[in-house]
N, C-alpha and C. Protein backbone atom coordinates (compact mmCIF):
# COMPACT_ATOMS: atom_id res chain seq x y z
N MET A 1 97.98 102.19 150.24
CA MET A 1 98.12 101.63 149.11
C MET A 1 97.08 100.71 148.72
N THR A 2 96.83 99.95 149.75
CA THR A 2 95.57 98.91 149.48
C THR A 2 94.24 99.55 148.75
N ARG A 3 94.14 100.73 149.33
CA ARG A 3 92.88 101.19 148.69
C ARG A 3 92.75 101.77 147.28
N ILE A 4 94.26 102.51 146.91
CA ILE A 4 94.67 102.51 145.76
C ILE A 4 94.21 101.62 144.53
N LEU A 5 94.92 100.35 144.90
CA LEU A 5 94.96 99.25 144.44
C LEU A 5 93.49 98.54 144.11
N GLU A 6 92.79 98.70 145.18
CA GLU A 6 91.31 98.02 145.21
C GLU A 6 90.63 99.04 144.34
N SER A 7 90.79 100.41 144.24
CA SER A 7 90.28 101.30 143.38
C SER A 7 90.55 101.23 142.01
N SER A 8 91.64 100.63 141.72
CA SER A 8 92.27 100.67 140.27
C SER A 8 91.36 99.85 139.46
N LYS A 9 90.42 98.99 139.85
CA LYS A 9 89.48 98.33 138.95
C LYS A 9 88.47 99.02 138.16
N TYR A 10 88.65 100.39 138.63
CA TYR A 10 87.69 101.37 137.82
C TYR A 10 88.41 101.75 136.61
N LEU A 11 89.55 101.72 136.54
CA LEU A 11 90.28 101.97 135.27
C LEU A 11 89.65 101.21 133.97
N SER A 12 89.11 100.03 134.35
CA SER A 12 88.48 99.33 133.31
C SER A 12 87.15 99.89 132.66
N LEU A 13 86.63 100.79 133.46
CA LEU A 13 85.47 101.65 133.04
C LEU A 13 85.80 102.37 131.58
N ILE A 14 87.04 102.62 131.43
CA ILE A 14 87.40 102.93 130.37
C ILE A 14 87.28 102.25 129.11
N ALA A 15 87.50 100.88 129.21
CA ALA A 15 87.39 99.80 128.02
C ALA A 15 85.85 99.64 128.02
N VAL A 16 85.10 99.56 129.08
CA VAL A 16 83.71 99.18 129.11
C VAL A 16 82.93 100.50 128.35
N ILE A 17 83.12 101.59 128.73
CA ILE A 17 82.37 102.64 128.16
C ILE A 17 82.86 102.80 126.39
N SER A 18 84.21 102.58 126.23
CA SER A 18 84.79 102.59 124.84
C SER A 18 83.99 101.54 124.06
N LEU A 19 83.99 100.24 124.67
CA LEU A 19 83.62 99.13 124.05
C LEU A 19 82.04 99.39 123.69
N LEU A 20 81.30 99.96 124.83
CA LEU A 20 79.79 100.42 124.54
C LEU A 20 79.66 101.29 123.60
N LEU A 21 80.30 102.40 123.55
CA LEU A 21 80.28 103.34 122.19
C LEU A 21 80.65 102.75 120.91
N ALA A 22 81.75 101.89 120.92
CA ALA A 22 81.94 101.04 119.64
C ALA A 22 80.93 100.23 119.29
N ALA A 23 80.14 99.55 120.30
CA ALA A 23 78.96 98.84 120.10
C ALA A 23 77.90 99.55 119.33
N LEU A 24 77.51 100.53 119.90
CA LEU A 24 76.45 101.58 119.60
C LEU A 24 76.68 101.98 118.13
N ALA A 25 78.01 102.43 117.70
CA ALA A 25 78.37 102.70 116.58
C ALA A 25 78.09 101.61 115.47
N ALA A 26 78.73 100.50 115.93
CA ALA A 26 78.79 99.36 114.89
C ALA A 26 77.06 98.79 114.92
N TYR A 27 76.18 99.02 115.68
CA TYR A 27 74.86 98.78 115.50
C TYR A 27 74.40 99.66 114.54
N PHE A 28 74.69 101.10 114.45
CA PHE A 28 74.30 102.13 113.66
C PHE A 28 74.70 101.76 112.14
N TRP A 29 76.05 101.46 112.29
CA TRP A 29 76.65 101.03 110.87
C TRP A 29 75.79 99.85 110.16
N GLY A 30 75.47 98.78 111.05
CA GLY A 30 74.63 97.70 110.34
C GLY A 30 73.33 98.17 110.35
N ALA A 31 72.52 99.32 110.73
CA ALA A 31 71.32 99.90 110.28
C ALA A 31 71.37 100.50 109.16
N VAL A 32 72.52 101.39 108.74
CA VAL A 32 72.82 102.10 107.68
C VAL A 32 72.76 100.76 106.48
N LYS A 33 73.84 99.92 106.76
CA LYS A 33 73.79 98.94 105.67
C LYS A 33 72.63 98.28 105.39
N THR A 34 71.67 98.26 106.31
CA THR A 34 70.37 97.54 106.21
C THR A 34 69.60 98.45 105.22
N TYR A 35 69.57 99.88 105.62
CA TYR A 35 68.93 100.74 104.82
C TYR A 35 69.34 100.66 103.21
N ASP A 36 70.64 100.81 103.35
CA ASP A 36 71.34 100.88 101.84
C ASP A 36 71.08 99.51 101.21
N THR A 37 70.81 98.46 101.77
CA THR A 37 70.45 97.18 100.93
C THR A 37 68.99 97.14 100.68
N ILE A 38 68.20 97.71 101.53
CA ILE A 38 66.50 97.71 101.24
C ILE A 38 66.48 98.64 99.78
N VAL A 39 67.29 99.94 99.84
CA VAL A 39 66.97 100.77 98.74
C VAL A 39 67.79 99.78 97.63
N LEU A 40 68.92 99.24 97.55
CA LEU A 40 69.37 98.66 96.55
C LEU A 40 68.53 97.53 96.08
N ILE A 41 67.59 96.75 97.00
CA ILE A 41 66.74 95.67 96.64
C ILE A 41 65.52 96.44 95.79
N VAL A 42 64.89 97.62 96.32
CA VAL A 42 63.81 98.30 95.89
C VAL A 42 63.97 98.80 94.31
N THR A 43 65.19 99.24 94.40
CA THR A 43 65.63 100.36 93.18
C THR A 43 65.91 99.36 91.87
N THR A 44 66.34 98.06 92.26
CA THR A 44 66.83 97.17 91.11
C THR A 44 65.90 96.06 91.00
N ALA A 45 64.89 96.28 91.56
CA ALA A 45 63.65 95.10 91.79
C ALA A 45 64.54 93.72 92.30
N GLY A 46 65.43 93.74 93.10
CA GLY A 46 66.20 92.50 93.60
C GLY A 46 66.79 91.72 92.61
N LYS A 47 67.17 92.28 91.44
CA LYS A 47 68.06 91.89 90.50
C LYS A 47 69.60 92.09 90.41
N ASP A 48 69.95 92.80 91.46
CA ASP A 48 71.35 93.16 91.57
C ASP A 48 72.10 92.01 92.19
N PRO A 49 73.28 91.70 91.62
CA PRO A 49 74.02 90.24 91.76
C PRO A 49 74.48 90.57 93.23
N PHE A 50 74.91 91.79 93.76
CA PHE A 50 75.56 92.14 94.83
C PHE A 50 74.45 92.10 96.12
N ILE A 51 73.19 91.85 96.07
CA ILE A 51 72.30 91.95 97.08
C ILE A 51 72.69 90.73 98.12
N THR A 52 73.19 89.74 97.61
CA THR A 52 73.66 88.68 98.66
C THR A 52 74.71 89.07 99.45
N VAL A 53 75.71 89.72 98.62
CA VAL A 53 76.89 90.10 99.46
C VAL A 53 76.41 91.39 100.41
N SER A 54 75.60 91.89 100.13
CA SER A 54 75.30 93.25 101.03
C SER A 54 74.46 92.56 102.26
N LEU A 55 73.67 91.64 101.99
CA LEU A 55 72.88 90.99 103.11
C LEU A 55 73.85 90.30 103.98
N ILE A 56 74.99 89.73 103.46
CA ILE A 56 76.01 89.00 104.38
C ILE A 56 76.81 90.09 105.20
N GLU A 57 76.91 91.33 104.42
CA GLU A 57 77.69 92.52 105.19
C GLU A 57 76.65 92.93 106.31
N ILE A 58 75.56 92.74 106.31
CA ILE A 58 74.64 93.28 107.33
C ILE A 58 74.94 92.40 108.68
N VAL A 59 75.03 91.03 108.19
CA VAL A 59 74.89 90.21 109.27
C VAL A 59 76.31 90.18 110.07
N ASP A 60 77.37 90.37 109.15
CA ASP A 60 78.66 90.78 109.73
C ASP A 60 78.37 91.83 110.59
N ALA A 61 78.00 93.22 110.33
CA ALA A 61 77.99 94.45 111.06
C ALA A 61 77.33 94.13 112.44
N PHE A 62 76.25 93.45 112.46
CA PHE A 62 75.55 93.17 113.74
C PHE A 62 76.17 92.24 114.47
N LEU A 63 77.16 91.24 113.70
CA LEU A 63 77.78 90.18 114.73
C LEU A 63 78.78 91.01 115.34
N ILE A 64 79.53 91.86 114.73
CA ILE A 64 80.58 92.71 115.38
C ILE A 64 79.88 93.34 116.45
N ALA A 65 79.02 94.21 116.27
CA ALA A 65 78.33 95.15 117.02
C ALA A 65 77.80 94.20 118.35
N THR A 66 77.10 93.01 118.36
CA THR A 66 76.95 92.29 119.29
C THR A 66 78.15 91.75 120.12
N GLY A 67 79.20 91.20 119.49
CA GLY A 67 80.45 91.02 120.12
C GLY A 67 81.04 92.07 120.98
N LEU A 68 80.84 93.30 120.46
CA LEU A 68 81.33 94.54 121.43
C LEU A 68 80.62 94.69 122.59
N LEU A 69 79.30 94.75 122.29
CA LEU A 69 78.29 94.80 123.46
C LEU A 69 78.78 93.60 124.60
N LEU A 70 78.81 92.52 123.97
CA LEU A 70 79.25 91.35 124.92
C LEU A 70 80.35 91.53 125.73
N PHE A 71 81.37 92.21 125.02
CA PHE A 71 82.63 92.44 125.86
C PHE A 71 82.45 93.44 126.88
N SER A 72 81.79 94.35 126.40
CA SER A 72 81.50 95.49 127.24
C SER A 72 80.83 95.15 128.58
N VAL A 73 79.78 94.37 128.46
CA VAL A 73 79.00 93.80 129.77
C VAL A 73 79.77 92.96 130.40
N SER A 74 80.65 92.09 129.92
CA SER A 74 81.25 90.81 130.56
C SER A 74 82.42 91.53 131.33
N LEU A 75 83.21 92.40 130.81
CA LEU A 75 84.29 93.29 131.28
C LEU A 75 83.78 94.11 132.62
N TYR A 76 82.73 94.67 132.47
CA TYR A 76 81.88 95.17 133.55
C TYR A 76 81.62 94.19 134.73
N GLU A 77 81.20 93.24 134.36
CA GLU A 77 80.96 92.05 135.32
C GLU A 77 81.93 91.41 135.92
N LEU A 78 83.01 91.46 135.14
CA LEU A 78 84.35 91.07 135.69
C LEU A 78 85.14 91.64 136.78
N MET A 79 85.19 93.02 136.52
CA MET A 79 86.01 93.88 136.86
C MET A 79 85.34 94.87 138.09
N ILE A 80 83.92 95.29 137.68
CA ILE A 80 83.24 96.22 138.64
C ILE A 80 82.20 95.64 139.40
N SER A 81 81.17 95.13 138.85
CA SER A 81 80.01 94.64 139.76
C SER A 81 78.95 93.77 138.95
N HIS A 82 78.32 93.04 139.40
CA HIS A 82 77.44 91.92 138.88
C HIS A 82 76.26 92.66 138.22
N LEU A 83 75.66 92.35 136.94
CA LEU A 83 74.79 92.72 136.23
C LEU A 83 73.57 91.71 136.23
N ASN A 84 72.42 92.13 136.04
CA ASN A 84 71.16 91.40 136.09
C ASN A 84 71.01 91.05 134.40
N LEU A 85 71.78 90.30 133.90
CA LEU A 85 71.74 89.99 132.34
C LEU A 85 71.53 88.37 132.41
N PRO A 86 71.33 87.82 131.18
CA PRO A 86 71.14 86.38 130.87
C PRO A 86 72.60 85.80 131.05
N GLU A 87 72.92 84.59 131.49
CA GLU A 87 74.07 84.17 131.93
C GLU A 87 74.90 84.00 130.31
N TRP A 88 74.30 83.66 129.37
CA TRP A 88 74.92 83.33 128.06
C TRP A 88 75.58 84.82 127.80
N MET A 89 75.01 85.90 128.15
CA MET A 89 75.82 87.11 127.88
C MET A 89 76.89 87.42 128.67
N LEU A 90 77.51 86.77 129.48
CA LEU A 90 78.40 87.15 130.49
C LEU A 90 79.79 86.22 130.32
N ALA A 91 80.85 86.73 130.65
CA ALA A 91 81.82 85.82 130.61
C ALA A 91 82.32 85.94 132.27
N HIS A 92 82.70 84.68 132.75
CA HIS A 92 82.95 85.02 134.22
C HIS A 92 84.25 84.98 134.58
N ASN A 93 85.25 84.76 133.68
CA ASN A 93 86.73 84.92 133.71
C ASN A 93 87.45 85.30 132.48
N LEU A 94 88.54 85.53 132.48
CA LEU A 94 89.32 86.02 131.35
C LEU A 94 89.31 85.04 130.21
N HIS A 95 89.31 83.55 130.75
CA HIS A 95 89.33 82.62 129.70
C HIS A 95 88.14 82.57 128.96
N ASP A 96 87.13 82.78 129.70
CA ASP A 96 85.43 82.79 128.95
C ASP A 96 85.42 84.03 127.94
N LEU A 97 86.20 85.15 128.36
CA LEU A 97 86.06 86.28 127.63
C LEU A 97 86.89 86.12 126.20
N LYS A 98 87.95 85.43 126.48
CA LYS A 98 89.04 85.19 125.32
C LYS A 98 88.35 83.94 124.20
N ALA A 99 87.70 83.00 125.07
CA ALA A 99 86.85 82.13 124.32
C ALA A 99 85.78 82.77 123.40
N LYS A 100 85.03 83.88 124.23
CA LYS A 100 83.95 84.47 123.31
C LYS A 100 84.43 85.13 122.09
N LEU A 101 85.80 85.80 122.40
CA LEU A 101 86.35 86.47 121.29
C LEU A 101 86.86 85.65 120.19
N SER A 102 87.35 84.36 120.56
CA SER A 102 87.60 83.42 119.49
C SER A 102 86.55 83.26 118.61
N SER A 103 85.26 82.78 119.39
CA SER A 103 84.13 82.57 118.69
C SER A 103 83.44 83.64 117.62
N ILE A 104 83.78 84.83 118.20
CA ILE A 104 83.42 85.82 117.08
C ILE A 104 84.36 86.22 116.00
N ILE A 105 85.52 85.97 116.21
CA ILE A 105 86.58 86.01 115.24
C ILE A 105 86.28 84.91 114.22
N VAL A 106 86.22 83.79 114.74
CA VAL A 106 85.66 82.50 113.75
C VAL A 106 84.61 82.99 112.89
N LEU A 107 83.70 83.54 113.71
CA LEU A 107 82.20 84.00 112.85
C LEU A 107 82.59 84.83 111.75
N VAL A 108 83.07 86.00 111.94
CA VAL A 108 83.48 87.04 111.33
C VAL A 108 84.57 86.63 110.19
N VAL A 109 85.51 85.89 110.23
CA VAL A 109 86.35 85.32 109.34
C VAL A 109 85.41 84.51 108.29
N ILE A 110 84.68 83.59 108.67
CA ILE A 110 83.77 82.79 107.99
C ILE A 110 82.99 83.81 107.14
N VAL A 111 82.38 84.85 107.74
CA VAL A 111 81.29 85.65 107.07
C VAL A 111 82.23 86.29 105.76
N LYS A 112 83.40 86.56 106.27
CA LYS A 112 84.23 87.49 105.17
C LYS A 112 84.79 86.40 104.15
N PHE A 113 84.86 85.26 104.46
CA PHE A 113 85.04 84.18 103.46
C PHE A 113 84.00 83.97 102.49
N VAL A 114 82.81 84.01 103.06
CA VAL A 114 81.63 83.92 102.27
C VAL A 114 81.28 85.05 101.21
N GLU A 115 81.58 86.30 101.91
CA GLU A 115 81.57 87.32 101.10
C GLU A 115 82.55 87.34 99.62
N LYS A 116 83.80 87.01 100.15
CA LYS A 116 84.84 86.73 98.98
C LYS A 116 84.38 85.61 98.23
N LEU A 117 83.88 84.64 98.58
CA LEU A 117 83.53 83.26 97.70
C LEU A 117 82.54 83.83 96.77
N VAL A 118 81.36 84.67 96.96
CA VAL A 118 80.30 85.14 96.24
C VAL A 118 81.06 85.97 95.00
N ASP A 119 81.88 86.64 95.44
CA ASP A 119 82.26 87.72 94.59
C ASP A 119 83.86 87.36 93.99
N THR A 120 84.10 86.29 93.68
CA THR A 120 85.47 85.95 93.01
C THR A 120 85.49 85.07 92.04
N LYS A 121 86.57 85.16 91.15
CA LYS A 121 86.60 84.55 90.09
C LYS A 121 88.07 83.75 90.07
N ASP A 122 88.60 84.14 91.10
CA ASP A 122 90.07 83.63 91.29
C ASP A 122 90.11 82.38 92.17
N TYR A 123 89.70 81.42 91.64
CA TYR A 123 89.77 79.98 92.41
C TYR A 123 90.84 79.47 93.26
N GLN A 124 91.88 79.63 92.55
CA GLN A 124 93.09 79.50 93.37
C GLN A 124 93.37 80.20 94.49
N GLY A 125 93.08 81.53 94.32
CA GLY A 125 93.43 82.31 95.42
C GLY A 125 92.21 81.95 96.51
N ILE A 126 90.75 81.86 96.24
CA ILE A 126 89.88 81.46 97.12
C ILE A 126 90.20 80.17 97.89
N PHE A 127 90.80 79.25 97.17
CA PHE A 127 91.28 77.95 97.88
C PHE A 127 92.32 78.21 98.93
N TYR A 128 93.32 79.06 98.61
CA TYR A 128 94.45 79.25 99.62
C TYR A 128 93.58 80.21 100.96
N TYR A 129 92.81 81.15 100.47
CA TYR A 129 91.97 81.83 101.43
C TYR A 129 91.17 80.79 102.46
N ALA A 130 90.50 79.94 101.77
CA ALA A 130 89.90 79.09 102.51
C ALA A 130 90.89 78.20 103.57
N LEU A 131 91.86 77.62 102.92
CA LEU A 131 93.05 77.10 103.83
C LEU A 131 93.22 78.03 105.19
N ALA A 132 93.48 79.21 104.80
CA ALA A 132 93.80 80.04 105.88
C ALA A 132 92.56 80.16 106.87
N VAL A 133 91.66 80.41 106.40
CA VAL A 133 90.49 80.54 107.23
C VAL A 133 90.17 79.37 108.01
N GLY A 134 90.42 78.14 107.32
CA GLY A 134 90.32 76.82 108.29
C GLY A 134 91.31 76.63 109.36
N ILE A 135 92.65 77.19 108.98
CA ILE A 135 93.74 76.80 109.98
C ILE A 135 93.35 77.86 111.07
N VAL A 136 93.10 79.13 110.96
CA VAL A 136 92.89 80.14 111.94
C VAL A 136 91.65 79.76 112.63
N SER A 137 90.46 79.23 112.14
CA SER A 137 89.14 78.71 112.83
C SER A 137 89.52 77.67 113.67
N ALA A 138 90.25 76.64 113.14
CA ALA A 138 90.64 75.38 113.77
C ALA A 138 91.50 75.73 115.19
N THR A 139 92.56 76.70 114.86
CA THR A 139 93.51 77.07 116.11
C THR A 139 92.58 77.86 117.06
N LEU A 140 91.73 78.70 116.61
CA LEU A 140 90.85 79.42 117.75
C LEU A 140 89.79 78.40 118.48
N ILE A 141 89.30 77.69 117.77
CA ILE A 141 88.42 76.54 118.51
C ILE A 141 89.23 75.53 119.46
N ALA A 142 90.17 75.05 118.87
CA ALA A 142 91.25 74.28 119.78
C ALA A 142 91.23 75.10 120.92
N PHE A 143 91.79 76.42 121.04
CA PHE A 143 92.15 77.18 122.01
C PHE A 143 91.03 77.14 123.06
N SER A 144 89.77 77.37 122.53
CA SER A 144 88.62 77.43 123.20
C SER A 144 88.39 76.35 123.98
N HIS A 145 88.32 75.25 123.37
CA HIS A 145 88.10 73.86 123.72
C HIS A 145 89.24 73.45 124.89
N PHE A 146 90.59 73.53 124.49
CA PHE A 146 91.46 72.76 125.20
C PHE A 146 91.84 73.65 126.32
N GLY A 147 91.74 74.95 126.32
CA GLY A 147 92.13 75.83 127.28
C GLY A 147 90.89 75.96 128.51
N LYS A 148 90.00 75.12 128.43
CA LYS A 148 89.11 75.30 129.48
C LYS A 148 89.66 75.02 130.90
N LYS A 149 89.18 75.28 131.92
CA LYS A 149 89.77 74.97 132.97
C LYS A 149 88.40 74.37 133.97
N ASP A 150 88.70 73.30 134.15
CA ASP A 150 87.57 72.39 134.96
C ASP A 150 87.58 72.48 136.24
């Protein structure tokens, strides 16, 4: 029974590989968005008002891709074996992993807010959206800060 339980750590490879494939797809998604934005800039001589939004969407795609990669390697490091990677890329316990997720969620939510801000005429709606973004961000930041184990 002990051997079965000790070997069960390899079940996490399903998550590691899935996250790695998702990261690869998200990087490709970001590259396609980059290509589309370059085409938009060239064909409109930089005059299309949605270029700014497209550039923000590129950042968003690569941010998500990088987050997926970080989760993949951190989960491998936590569950399977040590990796020779920079320390900032790795989470050393589940709290660190959740804190990284919180940070990425905050950044993605803020990027989505900026996208919406650039492309809105509904100022009351954007105000309420900003409040929601602020509350979610503050909650996640507080969780990351106060949940640390010293």
